[in-house]
Amino acid sequence: MQTVKIKLNSIEDIKSFVAVLTSYDSDFDIVSGKYIIDAKSIMAYFCLNLKEPLTMRIHSDEKLDSILESIDSYLVKE
């Protein structure tokens, strides 16, 4: 499992982010405070505070490089 920080700034970001994730068979979670949601569920994002970066858990090791490359524009660079 890999953990990364992401930032989604708009509804369009959420829609395109979810579209990228659904192209993979892997499971993804978003963690924000006390909430843990399925990252492939658009509706679940509406209960989150999108003003702050979100923690994403990637439950895949074999396609990790491809996944990280495809979500690069959403990653928070530290």
C-alpha atoms as a PDB file:
ATOM      1  CA  MET A   1       0.000   0.000   0.000  1.00  0.00           C
ATOM      2  CA  GLN A   2       1.204   3.495  -0.904  1.00  0.00           C
ATOM      3  CA  THR A   3      -0.051   6.743   0.686  1.00  0.00           C
ATOM      4  CA  VAL A   4       0.043  10.090  -1.148  1.00  0.00           C
ATOM      5  CA  LYS A   5      -1.424  13.565  -0.658  1.00  0.00           C
ATOM      6  CA  ILE A   6      -3.745  14.932  -3.343  1.00  0.00           C
ATOM      7  CA  LYS A   7      -5.556  18.223  -3.921  1.00  0.00           C
ATOM      8  CA  LEU A   8      -8.859  18.499  -5.764  1.00  0.00           C
ATOM      9  CA  ASN A   9      -9.932  22.089  -6.411  1.00  0.00           C
ATOM     10  CA  SER A  10     -13.243  21.722  -8.224  1.00  0.00           C
ATOM     11  CA  ILE A  11     -16.049  19.397  -9.267  1.00  0.00           C
ATOM     12  CA  GLU A  12     -14.305  18.998 -12.626  1.00  0.00           C
ATOM     13  CA  ASP A  13     -11.148  17.850 -10.827  1.00  0.00           C
ATOM     14  CA  ILE A  14     -13.172  15.259  -8.908  1.00  0.00           C
ATOM     15  CA  LYS A  15     -14.855  13.963 -12.057  1.00  0.00           C
ATOM     16  CA  SER A  16     -11.606  13.616 -13.989  1.00  0.00           C
ATOM     17  CA  PHE A  17      -9.767  12.152 -10.972  1.00  0.00           C
ATOM     18  CA  VAL A  18     -12.445   9.490 -10.461  1.00  0.00           C
ATOM     19  CA  ALA A  19     -12.411   8.706 -14.200  1.00  0.00           C
ATOM     20  CA  VAL A  20      -8.666   8.022 -14.010  1.00  0.00           C
ATOM     21  CA  LEU A  21      -9.046   5.789 -10.951  1.00  0.00           C
ATOM     22  CA  THR A  22     -11.882   3.747 -12.423  1.00  0.00           C
ATOM     23  CA  SER A  23      -9.602   2.704 -15.267  1.00  0.00           C
ATOM     24  CA  TYR A  24      -7.645   0.621 -12.714  1.00  0.00           C
ATOM     25  CA  ASP A  25      -8.796  -2.578 -11.003  1.00  0.00           C
ATOM     26  CA  SER A  26      -7.055  -1.529  -7.790  1.00  0.00           C
ATOM     27  CA  ASP A  27      -8.768  -0.188  -4.674  1.00  0.00           C
ATOM     28  CA  PHE A  28      -8.244   3.390  -3.526  1.00  0.00           C
ATOM     29  CA  ASP A  29      -9.319   5.124  -0.309  1.00  0.00           C
ATOM     30  CA  ILE A  30      -9.458   8.812   0.517  1.00  0.00           C
ATOM     31  CA  VAL A  31      -8.874   9.749   4.153  1.00  0.00           C
ATOM     32  CA  SER A  32      -9.952  13.120   5.512  1.00  0.00           C
ATOM     33  CA  GLY A  33     -10.273  13.518   9.264  1.00  0.00           C
ATOM     34  CA  LYS A  34     -12.674  10.859  10.526  1.00  0.00           C
ATOM     35  CA  TYR A  35     -13.883   9.962   7.031  1.00  0.00           C
ATOM     36  CA  ILE A  36     -12.569   7.145   4.846  1.00  0.00           C
ATOM     37  CA  ILE A  37     -14.257   6.966   1.447  1.00  0.00           C
ATOM     38  CA  ASP A  38     -14.001   4.905  -1.713  1.00  0.00           C
ATOM     39  CA  ALA A  39     -11.951   7.118  -4.036  1.00  0.00           C
ATOM     40  CA  LYS A  40     -13.921   5.853  -7.058  1.00  0.00           C
ATOM     41  CA  SER A  41     -17.236   7.200  -5.681  1.00  0.00           C
ATOM     42  CA  ILE A  42     -17.975  10.724  -6.903  1.00  0.00           C
ATOM     43  CA  MET A  43     -20.784  11.260  -4.395  1.00  0.00           C
ATOM     44  CA  ALA A  44     -18.565  10.433  -1.414  1.00  0.00           C
ATOM     45  CA  TYR A  45     -16.379  13.511  -2.040  1.00  0.00           C
ATOM     46  CA  PHE A  46     -19.244  15.819  -1.078  1.00  0.00           C
ATOM     47  CA  CYS A  47     -18.803  14.928   2.619  1.00  0.00           C
ATOM     48  CA  LEU A  48     -15.140  15.989   2.586  1.00  0.00           C
ATOM     49  CA  ASN A  49     -13.408  19.294   3.205  1.00  0.00           C
ATOM     50  CA  LEU A  50     -11.765  19.958  -0.161  1.00  0.00           C
ATOM     51  CA  LYS A  51     -10.001  23.105   1.066  1.00  0.00           C
ATOM     52  CA  GLU A  52      -7.257  20.921   2.530  1.00  0.00           C
ATOM     53  CA  PRO A  53      -5.136  18.239   0.836  1.00  0.00           C
ATOM     54  CA  LEU A  54      -6.544  14.719   1.102  1.00  0.00           C
ATOM     55  CA  THR A  55      -4.681  11.523   1.898  1.00  0.00           C
ATOM     56  CA  MET A  56      -5.077   8.780  -0.681  1.00  0.00           C
ATOM     57  CA  ARG A  57      -4.281   5.128  -0.010  1.00  0.00           C
ATOM     58  CA  ILE A  58      -3.379   3.094  -3.083  1.00  0.00           C
ATOM     59  CA  HIS A  59      -3.930  -0.631  -2.514  1.00  0.00           C
ATOM     60  CA  SER A  60      -1.732  -1.846  -5.354  1.00  0.00           C
ATOM     61  CA  ASP A  61       1.966  -2.406  -5.772  1.00  0.00           C
ATOM     62  CA  GLU A  62       2.184  -3.865  -9.246  1.00  0.00           C
ATOM     63  CA  LYS A  63       0.776  -0.876 -11.185  1.00  0.00           C
ATOM     64  CA  LEU A  64       1.954   1.782  -8.753  1.00  0.00           C
ATOM     65  CA  ASP A  65       4.203   3.661 -11.198  1.00  0.00           C
ATOM     66  CA  SER A  66       1.428   3.854 -13.786  1.00  0.00           C
ATOM     67  CA  ILE A  67      -1.116   5.005 -11.198  1.00  0.00           C
ATOM     68  CA  LEU A  68       1.172   7.705  -9.817  1.00  0.00           C
ATOM     69  CA  GLU A  69       1.958   8.942 -13.315  1.00  0.00           C
ATOM     70  CA  SER A  70      -1.731   9.164 -14.222  1.00  0.00           C
ATOM     71  CA  ILE A  71      -2.624  11.189 -11.102  1.00  0.00           C
ATOM     72  CA  ASP A  72       0.501  13.361 -11.104  1.00  0.00           C
ATOM     73  CA  SER A  73      -1.403  16.616 -11.688  1.00  0.00           C
ATOM     74  CA  TYR A  74      -3.402  16.009  -8.488  1.00  0.00           C
ATOM     75  CA  LEU A  75      -0.444  15.112  -6.250  1.00  0.00           C
ATOM     76  CA  VAL A  76       0.691  17.573  -3.611  1.00  0.00           C
ATOM     77  CA  LYS A  77       4.393  18.133  -4.133  1.00  0.00           C
ATOM     78  CA  GLU A  78       6.222  18.769  -0.849  1.00  0.00           C
END
